[in-house]
Amino acid sequence: VESFSDKAVIIFEDNGIGIPETILPKIFAMFYRGNENSRDDTGLGLYIVKLIVEKWKGSIEVSSRQKEGTIFTIV
């Protein structure tokens, strides 16, 4: 178990539709859009978040269950 005494932990959690397990490994990729039919989505949001977090020597993880929701954890 990792000690977080010298780190900040931010957790974003929802109880939405969730993200399919087959898509999870792709969601941080540049230009990846979970919904290819969306015209409003550039596929850059989570990619940029990951870049910023890693620039600050942090990490970001995601876990999700369909019909239960998604949890993003930033350390």
Protein backbone atom coordinates (compact mmCIF):
# COMPACT_ATOMS: atom_id res chain seq x y z
CA VAL A 1 0.00 0.00 0.00
CA GLU A 2 1.41 3.35 -1.06
CA SER A 3 1.54 6.19 1.44
CA PHE A 4 -0.09 9.41 0.25
CA SER A 5 1.20 11.60 3.08
CA ASP A 6 3.26 13.76 0.72
CA LYS A 7 0.83 13.65 -2.22
CA ALA A 8 -2.53 15.08 -3.17
CA VAL A 9 -5.25 12.67 -4.23
CA ILE A 10 -8.22 13.83 -6.29
CA ILE A 11 -11.07 11.44 -7.00
CA PHE A 12 -13.83 12.08 -9.53
CA GLU A 13 -16.69 9.64 -9.31
CA ASP A 14 -20.05 9.40 -11.03
CA ASN A 15 -22.90 6.95 -11.15
CA GLY A 16 -23.52 7.23 -14.87
CA ILE A 17 -23.59 4.64 -17.62
CA GLY A 18 -19.96 3.66 -17.18
CA ILE A 19 -17.29 2.95 -19.77
CA PRO A 20 -17.07 -0.45 -21.46
CA GLU A 21 -14.03 -2.45 -20.34
CA THR A 22 -12.83 -2.82 -23.95
CA ILE A 23 -12.60 0.97 -24.30
CA LEU A 24 -10.82 1.79 -21.01
CA PRO A 25 -7.26 1.22 -22.34
CA LYS A 26 -7.94 3.72 -25.16
CA ILE A 27 -9.58 6.66 -23.40
CA PHE A 28 -6.36 8.62 -22.77
CA ALA A 29 -5.18 8.31 -26.40
CA MET A 30 -4.95 11.43 -28.54
CA PHE A 31 -8.06 11.94 -30.70
CA TYR A 32 -9.86 8.91 -29.26
CA ARG A 33 -13.60 9.45 -29.09
CA GLY A 34 -15.74 6.89 -27.32
CA ASN A 35 -18.68 7.96 -29.44
CA GLU A 36 -17.49 8.21 -33.02
CA ASN A 37 -20.79 9.88 -34.01
CA SER A 38 -20.17 12.87 -31.75
CA ARG A 39 -19.34 16.02 -33.69
CA ASP A 40 -18.69 18.08 -30.56
CA ASP A 41 -15.88 15.91 -29.22
CA THR A 42 -12.29 16.35 -30.42
CA GLY A 43 -10.94 13.39 -28.47
CA LEU A 44 -8.35 15.56 -26.73
CA GLY A 45 -9.81 16.15 -23.24
CA LEU A 46 -8.55 13.12 -21.33
CA TYR A 47 -5.34 13.10 -23.38
CA ILE A 48 -4.57 16.65 -22.22
CA VAL A 49 -5.51 15.84 -18.61
CA LYS A 50 -3.07 12.93 -18.64
CA LEU A 51 -0.29 15.11 -20.09
CA ILE A 52 -0.77 17.73 -17.37
CA VAL A 53 -0.90 15.17 -14.57
CA GLU A 54 2.25 13.44 -15.81
CA LYS A 55 4.03 16.78 -16.28
CA TRP A 56 3.51 17.33 -12.53
CA LYS A 57 4.96 13.84 -11.89
CA GLY A 58 1.55 12.44 -11.05
CA SER A 59 -0.54 9.56 -12.26
CA ILE A 60 -4.14 9.10 -13.35
CA GLU A 61 -6.14 5.91 -13.21
CA VAL A 62 -9.66 5.00 -14.23
CA SER A 63 -11.99 2.21 -13.24
CA SER A 64 -15.51 1.74 -14.48
CA ARG A 65 -18.46 -0.60 -14.41
CA GLN A 66 -21.21 -0.32 -16.96
CA LYS A 67 -24.51 0.89 -15.52
CA GLU A 68 -22.73 1.72 -12.23
CA GLY A 69 -20.35 4.57 -13.03
CA THR A 70 -16.73 5.60 -13.40
CA ILE A 71 -13.98 6.65 -11.02
CA PHE A 72 -10.94 8.72 -12.04
CA THR A 73 -8.15 8.95 -9.47
CA ILE A 74 -5.36 11.50 -9.81
CA VAL A 75 -2.32 11.30 -7.52
